[in-house]
PDB file of N, CA and C in Angstrom:
ATOM      1  N   ARG A   1     152.206 116.252 117.005  1.00  0.00           N
ATOM      2  CA  ARG A   1     151.962 117.325 117.951  1.00  0.00           C
ATOM      3  C   ARG A   1     152.213 118.673 117.284  1.00  0.00           C
ATOM      4  N   ALA A   2     153.273 118.754 116.517  1.00  0.00           N
ATOM      5  CA  ALA A   2     153.582 119.998 115.823  1.00  0.00           C
ATOM      6  C   ALA A   2     152.468 120.331 114.848  1.00  0.00           C
ATOM      7  N   LEU A   3     151.929 119.293 114.202  1.00  0.00           N
ATOM      8  CA  LEU A   3     150.820 119.513 113.273  1.00  0.00           C
ATOM      9  C   LEU A   3     149.600 120.012 114.020  1.00  0.00           C
ATOM     10  N   ALA A   4     149.349 119.476 115.187  1.00  0.00           N
ATOM     11  CA  ALA A   4     148.212 119.914 115.988  1.00  0.00           C
ATOM     12  C   ALA A   4     148.386 121.372 116.396  1.00  0.00           C
ATOM     13  N   GLN A   5     149.614 121.743 116.745  1.00  0.00           N
ATOM     14  CA  GLN A   5     149.845 123.144 117.131  1.00  0.00           C
ATOM     15  C   GLN A   5     149.675 124.077 115.930  1.00  0.00           C
ATOM     16  N   VAL A   6     150.129 123.667 114.774  1.00  0.00           N
ATOM     17  CA  VAL A   6     149.978 124.476 113.561  1.00  0.00           C
ATOM     18  C   VAL A   6     148.508 124.617 113.219  1.00  0.00           C
ATOM     19  N   LEU A   7     147.794 123.455 113.288  1.00  0.00           N
ATOM     20  CA  LEU A   7     146.355 123.526 113.002  1.00  0.00           C
ATOM     21  C   LEU A   7     145.624 124.383 114.032  1.00  0.00           C
ATOM     22  N   SER A   8     146.021 124.270 115.272  1.00  0.00           N
ATOM     23  CA  SER A   8     145.408 125.085 116.328  1.00  0.00           C
ATOM     24  C   SER A   8     145.696 126.564 116.077  1.00  0.00           C
ATOM     25  N   LEU A   9     146.941 126.854 115.701  1.00  0.00           N
ATOM     26  CA  LEU A   9     147.306 128.248 115.401  1.00  0.00           C
ATOM     27  C   LEU A   9     146.544 128.753 114.186  1.00  0.00           C
ATOM     28  N   ALA A  10     146.393 127.914 113.168  1.00  0.00           N
ATOM     29  CA  ALA A  10     145.639 128.305 111.979  1.00  0.00           C
ATOM     30  C   ALA A  10     144.173 128.544 112.335  1.00  0.00           C
ATOM     31  N   LEU A  11     143.617 127.699 113.196  1.00  0.00           N
ATOM     32  CA  LEU A  11     142.240 127.881 113.635  1.00  0.00           C
ATOM     33  C   LEU A  11     142.075 129.182 114.407  1.00  0.00           C
ATOM     34  N   VAL A  12     143.013 129.480 115.267  1.00  0.00           N
ATOM     35  CA  VAL A  12     142.971 130.746 116.019  1.00  0.00           C
ATOM     36  C   VAL A  12     143.046 131.926 115.064  1.00  0.00           C
ATOM     37  N   LEU A  13     143.913 131.821 114.056  1.00  0.00           N
ATOM     38  CA  LEU A  13     144.033 132.919 113.079  1.00  0.00           C
ATOM     39  C   LEU A  13     142.740 133.087 112.272  1.00  0.00           C
ATOM     40  N   VAL A  14     142.171 131.972 111.838  1.00  0.00           N
ATOM     41  CA  VAL A  14     140.920 132.056 111.069  1.00  0.00           C
ATOM     42  C   VAL A  14     139.810 132.633 111.932  1.00  0.00           C
ATOM     43  N   LEU A  15     139.702 132.167 113.174  1.00  0.00           N
ATOM     44  CA  LEU A  15     138.655 132.677 114.074  1.00  0.00           C
ATOM     45  C   LEU A  15     138.883 134.154 114.406  1.00  0.00           C
ATOM     46  N   SER A  16     140.130 134.523 114.608  1.00  0.00           N
ATOM     47  CA  SER A  16     140.400 135.932 114.904  1.00  0.00           C
ATOM     48  C   SER A  16     140.112 136.807 113.680  1.00  0.00           C
ATOM     49  N   LEU A  17     140.396 136.298 112.462  1.00  0.00           N
ATOM     50  CA  LEU A  17     140.054 137.047 111.255  1.00  0.00           C
ATOM     51  C   LEU A  17     138.541 137.171 111.107  1.00  0.00           C
ATOM     52  N   ALA A  18     137.828 136.099 111.387  1.00  0.00           N
ATOM     53  CA  ALA A  18     136.361 136.155 111.305  1.00  0.00           C
ATOM     54  C   ALA A  18     135.807 137.128 112.344  1.00  0.00           C
ATOM     55  N   LEU A  19     136.352 137.063 113.558  1.00  0.00           N
ATOM     56  CA  LEU A  19     135.915 137.987 114.614  1.00  0.00           C
ATOM     57  C   LEU A  19     136.230 139.432 114.233  1.00  0.00           C
ATOM     58  N   ALA A  20     137.391 139.641 113.636  1.00  0.00           N
ATOM     59  CA  ALA A  20     137.764 140.986 113.197  1.00  0.00           C
ATOM     60  C   ALA A  20     136.800 141.478 112.119  1.00  0.00           C
ATOM     61  N   GLN A  21     136.423 140.596 111.217  1.00  0.00           N
ATOM     62  CA  GLN A  21     135.467 140.998 110.175  1.00  0.00           C
ATOM     63  C   GLN A  21     134.099 141.319 110.773  1.00  0.00           C
ATOM     64  N   VAL A  22     133.651 140.509 111.739  1.00  0.00           N
ATOM     65  CA  VAL A  22     132.360 140.766 112.397  1.00  0.00           C
ATOM     66  C   VAL A  22     132.404 142.092 113.145  1.00  0.00           C
ATOM     67  N   LEU A  23     133.508 142.317 113.864  1.00  0.00           N
ATOM     68  CA  LEU A  23     133.641 143.580 114.598  1.00  0.00           C
ATOM     69  C   LEU A  23     133.701 144.770 113.645  1.00  0.00           C
ATOM     70  N   LEU A  24     134.405 144.595 112.530  1.00  0.00           N
ATOM     71  CA  LEU A  24     134.484 145.661 111.535  1.00  0.00           C
ATOM     72  C   LEU A  24     133.111 145.945 110.932  1.00  0.00           C
ATOM     73  N   LEU A  25     132.357 144.887 110.649  1.00  0.00           N
ATOM     74  CA  LEU A  25     131.007 145.059 110.118  1.00  0.00           C
ATOM     75  C   LEU A  25     130.110 145.773 111.137  1.00  0.00           C
ATOM     76  N   ALA A  26     130.220 145.388 112.393  1.00  0.00           N
ATOM     77  CA  ALA A  26     129.432 146.039 113.441  1.00  0.00           C
ATOM     78  C   ALA A  26     129.798 147.517 113.543  1.00  0.00           C
ATOM     79  N   LEU A  27     131.104 147.801 113.451  1.00  0.00           N
ATOM     80  CA  LEU A  27     131.554 149.193 113.508  1.00  0.00           C
ATOM     81  C   LEU A  27     131.008 149.987 112.327  1.00  0.00           C
ATOM     82  N   VAL A  28     131.045 149.394 111.144  1.00  0.00           N
ATOM     83  CA  VAL A  28     130.505 150.063 109.956  1.00  0.00           C
ATOM     84  C   VAL A  28     129.013 150.319 110.122  1.00  0.00           C
ATOM     85  N   LEU A  29     128.283 149.345 110.645  1.00  0.00           N
ATOM     86  CA  LEU A  29     126.839 149.528 110.863  1.00  0.00           C
ATOM     87  C   LEU A  29     126.558 150.644 111.868  1.00  0.00           C
ATOM     88  N   VAL A  30     127.308 150.646 112.967  1.00  0.00           N
ATOM     89  CA  VAL A  30     127.111 151.697 113.978  1.00  0.00           C
ATOM     90  C   VAL A  30     127.437 153.068 113.403  1.00  0.00           C
ATOM     91  N   LEU A  31     128.559 153.147 112.682  1.00  0.00           N
ATOM     92  CA  LEU A  31     128.953 154.436 112.108  1.00  0.00           C
ATOM     93  C   LEU A  31     127.964 154.892 111.034  1.00  0.00           C
ATOM     94  N   SER A  32     127.477 153.962 110.213  1.00  0.00           N
ATOM     95  CA  SER A  32     126.520 154.364 109.181  1.00  0.00           C
ATOM     96  C   SER A  32     125.198 154.807 109.819  1.00  0.00           C
ATOM     97  N   ARG A  33     124.808 154.148 110.912  1.00  0.00           N
ATOM     98  CA  ARG A  33     123.591 154.571 111.612  1.00  0.00           C
ATOM     99  C   ARG A  33     123.767 155.965 112.217  1.00  0.00           C
ATOM    100  N   ALA A  34     124.923 156.197 112.831  1.00  0.00           N
ATOM    101  CA  ALA A  34     125.204 157.517 113.399  1.00  0.00           C
ATOM    102  C   ALA A  34     125.243 158.573 112.300  1.00  0.00           C
ATOM    103  N   LEU A  35     125.867 158.225 111.174  1.00  0.00           N
ATOM    104  CA  LEU A  35     125.922 159.160 110.048  1.00  0.00           C
ATOM    105  C   LEU A  35     124.522 159.444 109.518  1.00  0.00           C
ATOM    106  N   ALA A  36     123.688 158.409 109.438  1.00  0.00           N
ATOM    107  CA  ALA A  36     122.302 158.617 108.980  1.00  0.00           C
ATOM    108  C   ALA A  36     121.549 159.538 109.929  1.00  0.00           C
ATOM    109  N   GLN A  37     121.764 159.383 111.224  1.00  0.00           N
ATOM    110  CA  GLN A  37     121.089 160.253 112.187  1.00  0.00           C
ATOM    111  C   GLN A  37     121.582 161.692 112.059  1.00  0.00           C
ATOM    112  N   VAL A  38     122.877 161.856 111.883  1.00  0.00           N
ATOM    113  CA  VAL A  38     123.432 163.210 111.715  1.00  0.00           C
ATOM    114  C   VAL A  38     122.879 163.850 110.446  1.00  0.00           C
ATOM    115  N   LEU A  39     122.853 163.089 109.355  1.00  0.00           N
ATOM    116  CA  LEU A  39     122.321 163.630 108.101  1.00  0.00           C
ATOM    117  C   LEU A  39     120.836 163.938 108.220  1.00  0.00           C
ATOM    118  N   SER A  40     120.109 163.086 108.925  1.00  0.00           N
ATOM    119  CA  SER A  40     118.676 163.327 109.134  1.00  0.00           C
ATOM    120  C   SER A  40     118.475 164.596 109.948  1.00  0.00           C
ATOM    121  N   LEU A  41     119.269 164.765 110.996  1.00  0.00           N
ATOM    122  CA  LEU A  41     119.178 165.977 111.812  1.00  0.00           C
ATOM    123  C   LEU A  41     119.532 167.216 110.993  1.00  0.00           C
ATOM    124  N   ALA A  42     120.579 167.110 110.174  1.00  0.00           N
ATOM    125  CA  ALA A  42     120.959 168.245 109.320  1.00  0.00           C
ATOM    126  C   ALA A  42     119.835 168.575 108.340  1.00  0.00           C
ATOM    127  N   LEU A  43     119.204 167.540 107.776  1.00  0.00           N
ATOM    128  CA  LEU A  43     118.101 167.764 106.851  1.00  0.00           C
ATOM    129  C   LEU A  43     116.928 168.436 107.552  1.00  0.00           C
ATOM    130  N   VAL A  44     116.621 167.967 108.763  1.00  0.00           N
ATOM    131  CA  VAL A  44     115.533 168.582 109.541  1.00  0.00           C
ATOM    132  C   VAL A  44     115.850 170.051 109.821  1.00  0.00           C
ATOM    133  N   LEU A  45     117.094 170.344 110.181  1.00  0.00           N
ATOM    134  CA  LEU A  45     117.470 171.735 110.461  1.00  0.00           C
ATOM    135  C   LEU A  45     117.357 172.608 109.210  1.00  0.00           C
ATOM    136  N   VAL A  46     117.838 172.081 108.092  1.00  0.00           N
ATOM    137  CA  VAL A  46     117.767 172.846 106.840  1.00  0.00           C
ATOM    138  C   VAL A  46     116.314 173.081 106.442  1.00  0.00           C
ATOM    139  N   LEU A  47     115.499 172.017 106.542  1.00  0.00           N
ATOM    140  CA  LEU A  47     114.089 172.158 106.162  1.00  0.00           C
ATOM    141  C   LEU A  47     113.351 173.098 107.101  1.00  0.00           C
ATOM    142  N   SER A  48     113.642 173.025 108.400  1.00  0.00           N
ATOM    143  CA  SER A  48     112.958 173.919 109.329  1.00  0.00           C
ATOM    144  C   SER A  48     113.384 175.369 109.094  1.00  0.00           C
ATOM    145  N   ARG A  49     114.650 175.561 108.737  1.00  0.00           N
ATOM    146  CA  ARG A  49     115.113 176.922 108.430  1.00  0.00           C
ATOM    147  C   ARG A  49     114.438 177.442 107.158  1.00  0.00           C
ATOM    148  N   ALA A  50     114.351 176.573 106.142  1.00  0.00           N
ATOM    149  CA  ALA A  50     113.678 176.964 104.902  1.00  0.00           C
ATOM    150  C   ALA A  50     112.200 177.244 105.166  1.00  0.00           C
ATOM    151  N   LEU A  51     111.568 176.406 105.979  1.00  0.00           N
ATOM    152  CA  LEU A  51     110.161 176.630 106.321  1.00  0.00           C
ATOM    153  C   LEU A  51     109.990 177.942 107.067  1.00  0.00           C
ATOM    154  N   ALA A  52     110.907 178.233 107.986  1.00  0.00           N
ATOM    155  CA  ALA A  52     110.845 179.502 108.716  1.00  0.00           C
ATOM    156  C   ALA A  52     110.967 180.686 107.757  1.00  0.00           C
ATOM    157  N   GLN A  53     111.857 180.564 106.777  1.00  0.00           N
ATOM    158  CA  GLN A  53     112.012 181.650 105.805  1.00  0.00           C
ATOM    159  C   GLN A  53     110.767 181.801 104.953  1.00  0.00           C
ATOM    160  N   VAL A  54     110.178 180.683 104.545  1.00  0.00           N
ATOM    161  CA  VAL A  54     108.956 180.749 103.735  1.00  0.00           C
ATOM    162  C   VAL A  54     107.827 181.380 104.542  1.00  0.00           C
ATOM    163  N   LEU A  55     107.690 180.953 105.804  1.00  0.00           N
ATOM    164  CA  LEU A  55     106.633 181.524 106.648  1.00  0.00           C
ATOM    165  C   LEU A  55     106.875 183.013 106.901  1.00  0.00           C
ATOM    166  N   SER A  56     108.134 183.377 107.077  1.00  0.00           N
ATOM    167  CA  SER A  56     108.462 184.791 107.273  1.00  0.00           C
ATOM    168  C   SER A  56     108.115 185.602 106.019  1.00  0.00           C
ATOM    169  N   LEU A  57     108.444 185.047 104.849  1.00  0.00           N
ATOM    170  CA  LEU A  57     108.116 185.727 103.604  1.00  0.00           C
ATOM    171  C   LEU A  57     106.605 185.842 103.430  1.00  0.00           C
ATOM    172  N   ALA A  58     105.890 184.774 103.763  1.00  0.00           N
ATOM    173  CA  ALA A  58     104.425 184.811 103.662  1.00  0.00           C
ATOM    174  C   ALA A  58     103.856 185.862 104.599  1.00  0.00           C
ATOM    175  N   LEU A  59     104.421 185.948 105.803  1.00  0.00           N
ATOM    176  CA  LEU A  59     103.951 186.953 106.763  1.00  0.00           C
ATOM    177  C   LEU A  59     104.217 188.361 106.247  1.00  0.00           C
ATOM    178  N   VAL A  60     105.394 188.563 105.676  1.00  0.00           N
ATOM    179  CA  VAL A  60     105.724 189.881 105.110  1.00  0.00           C
ATOM    180  C   VAL A  60     104.756 190.226 103.981  1.00  0.00           C
ATOM    181  N   LEU A  61     104.458 189.239 103.124  1.00  0.00           N
ATOM    182  CA  LEU A  61     103.535 189.497 102.018  1.00  0.00           C
ATOM    183  C   LEU A  61     102.134 189.834 102.527  1.00  0.00           C
ATOM    184  N   VAL A  62     101.673 189.076 103.518  1.00  0.00           N
ATOM    185  CA  VAL A  62     100.344 189.340 104.077  1.00  0.00           C
ATOM    186  C   VAL A  62     100.300 190.716 104.729  1.00  0.00           C
ATOM    187  N   LEU A  63     101.340 191.028 105.502  1.00  0.00           N
ATOM    188  CA  LEU A  63     101.361 192.330 106.178  1.00  0.00           C
ATOM    189  C   LEU A  63     101.480 193.476 105.183  1.00  0.00           C
ATOM    190  N   SER A  64     102.284 193.290 104.143  1.00  0.00           N
ATOM    191  CA  SER A  64     102.422 194.361 103.160  1.00  0.00           C
ATOM    192  C   SER A  64     101.119 194.537 102.381  1.00  0.00           C
ATOM    193  N   ARG A  65     100.415 193.435 102.129  1.00  0.00           N
ATOM    194  CA  ARG A  65      99.128 193.536 101.443  1.00  0.00           C
ATOM    195  C   ARG A  65      98.110 194.251 102.333  1.00  0.00           C
ATOM    196  N   ALA A  66      98.111 193.891 103.629  1.00  0.00           N
ATOM    197  CA  ALA A  66      97.204 194.559 104.562  1.00  0.00           C
ATOM    198  C   ALA A  66      97.543 196.043 104.669  1.00  0.00           C
ATOM    199  N   LEU A  67      98.844 196.351 104.715  1.00  0.00           N
ATOM    200  CA  LEU A  67      99.261 197.748 104.784  1.00  0.00           C
ATOM    201  C   LEU A  67      98.847 198.497 103.522  1.00  0.00           C
ATOM    202  N   ALA A  68      98.994 197.859 102.372  1.00  0.00           N
ATOM    203  CA  ALA A  68      98.579 198.489 101.117  1.00  0.00           C
ATOM    204  C   ALA A  68      97.072 198.758 101.131  1.00  0.00           C
ATOM    205  N   GLN A  69      96.296 197.828 101.659  1.00  0.00           N
ATOM    206  CA  GLN A  69      94.850 198.033 101.726  1.00  0.00           C
ATOM    207  C   GLN A  69      94.501 199.175 102.669  1.00  0.00           C
ATOM    208  N   VAL A  70      95.186 199.226 103.820  1.00  0.00           N
ATOM    209  CA  VAL A  70      94.942 200.315 104.773  1.00  0.00           C
ATOM    210  C   VAL A  70      95.317 201.657 104.155  1.00  0.00           C
ATOM    211  N   LEU A  71      96.462 201.699 103.484  1.00  0.00           N
ATOM    212  CA  LEU A  71      96.882 202.956 102.850  1.00  0.00           C
ATOM    213  C   LEU A  71      95.924 203.345 101.726  1.00  0.00           C
ATOM    214  N   SER A  72      95.456 202.373 100.979  1.00  0.00           N
ATOM    215  CA  SER A  72      94.487 202.652  99.923  1.00  0.00           C
ATOM    216  C   SER A  72      93.202 203.210 100.510  1.00  0.00           C
ATOM    217  N   LEU A  73      92.727 202.602 101.595  1.00  0.00           N
ATOM    218  CA  LEU A  73      91.523 203.094 102.263  1.00  0.00           C
ATOM    219  C   LEU A  73      91.738 204.509 102.798  1.00  0.00           C
ATOM    220  N   ALA A  74      92.904 204.755 103.388  1.00  0.00           N
ATOM    221  CA  ALA A  74      93.207 206.093 103.898  1.00  0.00           C
ATOM    222  C   ALA A  74      93.229 207.109 102.761  1.00  0.00           C
ATOM    223  N   LEU A  75      93.795 206.714 101.636  1.00  0.00           N
ATOM    224  CA  LEU A  75      93.841 207.618 100.485  1.00  0.00           C
ATOM    225  C   LEU A  75      92.431 207.925  99.982  1.00  0.00           C
ATOM    226  N   VAL A  76      91.573 206.906  99.922  1.00  0.00           N
ATOM    227  CA  VAL A  76      90.189 207.117  99.498  1.00  0.00           C
ATOM    228  C   VAL A  76      89.481 208.063 100.460  1.00  0.00           C
ATOM    229  N   LEU A  77      89.703 207.872 101.763  1.00  0.00           N
ATOM    230  CA  LEU A  77      89.067 208.754 102.750  1.00  0.00           C
ATOM    231  C   LEU A  77      89.554 210.191 102.614  1.00  0.00           C
ATOM    232  N   VAL A  78      90.854 210.365 102.436  1.00  0.00           N
ATOM    233  CA  VAL A  78      91.404 211.725 102.293  1.00  0.00           C
ATOM    234  C   VAL A  78      90.865 212.383 101.027  1.00  0.00           C
ATOM    235  N   LEU A  79      90.825 211.629  99.931  1.00  0.00           N
ATOM    236  CA  LEU A  79      90.302 212.206  98.687  1.00  0.00           C
ATOM    237  C   LEU A  79      88.815 212.518  98.806  1.00  0.00           C
ATOM    238  N   SER A  80      88.078 211.658  99.513  1.00  0.00           N
ATOM    239  CA  SER A  80      86.651 211.922  99.717  1.00  0.00           C
ATOM    240  C   SER A  80      86.445 213.180 100.546  1.00  0.00           C
ATOM    241  N   LEU A  81      87.238 213.347 101.592  1.00  0.00           N
ATOM    242  CA  LEU A  81      87.140 214.562 102.416  1.00  0.00           C
ATOM    243  C   LEU A  81      87.505 215.802 101.609  1.00  0.00           C
ATOM    244  N   ALA A  82      88.536 215.693 100.792  1.00  0.00           N
ATOM    245  CA  ALA A  82      88.935 216.835  99.965  1.00  0.00           C
ATOM    246  C   ALA A  82      87.821 217.196  98.985  1.00  0.00           C
ATOM    247  N   LEU A  83      87.214 216.188  98.380  1.00  0.00           N
ATOM    248  CA  LEU A  83      86.114 216.446  97.453  1.00  0.00           C
ATOM    249  C   LEU A  83      84.927 217.068  98.184  1.00  0.00           C
ATOM    250  N   ALA A  84      84.621 216.580  99.370  1.00  0.00           N
ATOM    251  CA  ALA A  84      83.520 217.143 100.156  1.00  0.00           C
ATOM    252  C   ALA A  84      83.796 218.603 100.499  1.00  0.00           C
ATOM    253  N   LEU A  85      85.045 218.904 100.845  1.00  0.00           N
ATOM    254  CA  LEU A  85      85.394 220.298 101.157  1.00  0.00           C
ATOM    255  C   LEU A  85      85.265 221.180  99.921  1.00  0.00           C
ATOM    256  N   VAL A  86      85.699 220.691  98.784  1.00  0.00           N
ATOM    257  CA  VAL A  86      85.576 221.464  97.544  1.00  0.00           C
ATOM    258  C   VAL A  86      84.104 221.725  97.229  1.00  0.00           C
ATOM    259  N   LEU A  87      83.281 220.673  97.353  1.00  0.00           N
ATOM    260  CA  LEU A  87      81.842 220.843  97.089  1.00  0.00           C
ATOM    261  C   LEU A  87      81.202 221.805  98.078  1.00  0.00           C
ATOM    262  N   LEU A  88      81.630 221.748  99.337  1.00  0.00           N
ATOM    263  CA  LEU A  88      81.094 222.665 100.347  1.00  0.00           C
ATOM    264  C   LEU A  88      81.473 224.103 100.019  1.00  0.00           C
ATOM    265  N   VAL A  89      82.721 224.322  99.635  1.00  0.00           N
ATOM    266  CA  VAL A  89      83.156 225.672  99.270  1.00  0.00           C
ATOM    267  C   VAL A  89      82.389 226.161  98.052  1.00  0.00           C
ATOM    268  N   LEU A  90      82.203 225.304  97.071  1.00  0.00           N
ATOM    269  CA  LEU A  90      81.442 225.708  95.877  1.00  0.00           C
ATOM    270  C   LEU A  90      79.994 226.032  96.234  1.00  0.00           C
ATOM    271  N   GLU A  91      79.395 225.230  97.121  1.00  0.00           N
ATOM    272  CA  GLU A  91      78.010 225.476  97.536  1.00  0.00           C
ATOM    273  C   GLU A  91      77.903 226.782  98.313  1.00  0.00           C
ATOM    274  N   LEU A  92      78.869 227.043  99.197  1.00  0.00           N
ATOM    275  CA  LEU A  92      78.863 228.306  99.946  1.00  0.00           C
ATOM    276  C   LEU A  92      79.039 229.487  99.007  1.00  0.00           C
ATOM    277  N   ASP A  93      79.898 229.342  98.028  1.00  0.00           N
ATOM    278  CA  ASP A  93      80.108 230.412  97.066  1.00  0.00           C
ATOM    279  C   ASP A  93      78.838 230.665  96.265  1.00  0.00           C
ATOM    280  N   LYS A  94      78.150 229.605  95.868  1.00  0.00           N
ATOM    281  CA  LYS A  94      76.905 229.736  95.119  1.00  0.00           C
ATOM    282  C   LYS A  94      75.828 230.417  95.981  1.00  0.00           C
ATOM    283  N   THR A  95      75.751 230.028  97.264  1.00  0.00           N
ATOM    284  CA  THR A  95      74.766 230.637  98.175  1.00  0.00           C
ATOM    285  C   THR A  95      75.080 232.115  98.369  1.00  0.00           C
ATOM    286  N   ASP A  96      76.358 232.447  98.526  1.00  0.00           N
ATOM    287  CA  ASP A  96      76.764 233.847  98.695  1.00  0.00           C
ATOM    288  C   ASP A  96      76.402 234.656  97.455  1.00  0.00           C
ATOM    289  N   ASN A  97      76.656 234.110  96.280  1.00  0.00           N
ATOM    290  CA  ASN A  97      76.290 234.811  95.043  1.00  0.00           C
ATOM    291  C   ASN A  97      74.780 234.980  94.936  1.00  0.00           C
ATOM    292  N   HIS A  98      74.014 233.994  95.338  1.00  0.00           N
ATOM    293  CA  HIS A  98      72.558 234.073  95.279  1.00  0.00           C
ATOM    294  C   HIS A  98      72.044 235.167  96.224  1.00  0.00           C
ATOM    295  N   VAL A  99      72.614 235.226  97.437  1.00  0.00           N
ATOM    296  CA  VAL A  99      72.209 236.266  98.397  1.00  0.00           C
ATOM    297  C   VAL A  99      72.573 237.642  97.849  1.00  0.00           C
ATOM    298  N   ARG A 100      73.725 237.798  97.253  1.00  0.00           N
ATOM    299  CA  ARG A 100      74.111 239.094  96.670  1.00  0.00           C
ATOM    300  C   ARG A 100      73.149 239.481  95.541  1.00  0.00           C
ATOM    301  N   PHE A 101      72.774 238.516  94.719  1.00  0.00           N
ATOM    302  CA  PHE A 101      71.837 238.795  93.632  1.00  0.00           C
ATOM    303  C   PHE A 101      70.509 239.304  94.199  1.00  0.00           C
ATOM    304  N   LEU A 102      70.002 238.654  95.213  1.00  0.00           N
ATOM    305  CA  LEU A 102      68.733 239.071  95.814  1.00  0.00           C
ATOM    306  C   LEU A 102      68.852 240.449  96.460  1.00  0.00           C
ATOM    307  N   ALA A 103      70.001 240.723  97.095  1.00  0.00           N
ATOM    308  CA  ALA A 103      70.201 242.025  97.743  1.00  0.00           C
ATOM    309  C   ALA A 103      70.309 243.123  96.697  1.00  0.00           C
ATOM    310  N   ASN A 104      70.935 242.848  95.593  1.00  0.00           N
ATOM    311  CA  ASN A 104      71.078 243.856  94.539  1.00  0.00           C
ATOM    312  C   ASN A 104      69.732 244.184  93.916  1.00  0.00           C
ATOM    313  N   HIS A 105      68.833 243.263  93.898  1.00  0.00           N
ATOM    314  CA  HIS A 105      67.528 243.505  93.279  1.00  0.00           C
ATOM    315  C   HIS A 105      66.473 243.851  94.326  1.00  0.00           C
ATOM    316  N   LYS A 106      66.899 244.162  95.528  1.00  0.00           N
ATOM    317  CA  LYS A 106      66.032 244.620  96.622  1.00  0.00           C
ATOM    318  C   LYS A 106      64.968 243.575  96.985  1.00  0.00           C
ATOM    319  N   LEU A 107      65.303 242.317  96.753  1.00  0.00           N
ATOM    320  CA  LEU A 107      64.368 241.279  97.140  1.00  0.00           C
ATOM    321  C   LEU A 107      64.585 240.830  98.569  1.00  0.00           C
ATOM    322  N   VAL A 108      65.783 241.147  99.089  1.00  0.00           N
ATOM    323  CA  VAL A 108      66.108 240.813 100.478  1.00  0.00           C
ATOM    324  C   VAL A 108      66.645 242.084 101.111  1.00  0.00           C
ATOM    325  N   THR A 109      66.206 242.382 102.289  1.00  0.00           N
ATOM    326  CA  THR A 109      66.740 243.551 103.013  1.00  0.00           C
ATOM    327  C   THR A 109      67.497 243.046 104.224  1.00  0.00           C
ATOM    328  N   PHE A 110      68.607 243.677 104.497  1.00  0.00           N
ATOM    329  CA  PHE A 110      69.427 243.299 105.649  1.00  0.00           C
ATOM    330  C   PHE A 110      69.251 244.322 106.740  1.00  0.00           C
ATOM    331  N   ARG A 111      69.091 243.923 107.933  1.00  0.00           N
ATOM    332  CA  ARG A 111      68.937 244.860 109.055  1.00  0.00           C
ATOM    333  C   ARG A 111      70.151 244.843 109.910  1.00  0.00           C
TER     334      ARG A 111
END
């Protein structure tokens, strides 16, 4: 009877150790799965933040390029207007000199 109780106690100990190992393995699996999900979420957050920064930089580059083109066009327009004004002044000056020449030689009379 004592042997049966010892064997029964040994069986209970072996079964409880096996159950403890199974429970420990299950706990490790659950924790590793939770850790994998946390790491995956952290990776998604980091990547989305990096993507947001890249898209923001791309937007800044596109906008700065567009602004540079607009400013370049504005500069061309201003320089073209300035050149047109210079040519107009030169043409008016030439016309005024021509009229004076004709008036000095009595080819044109003013009333």
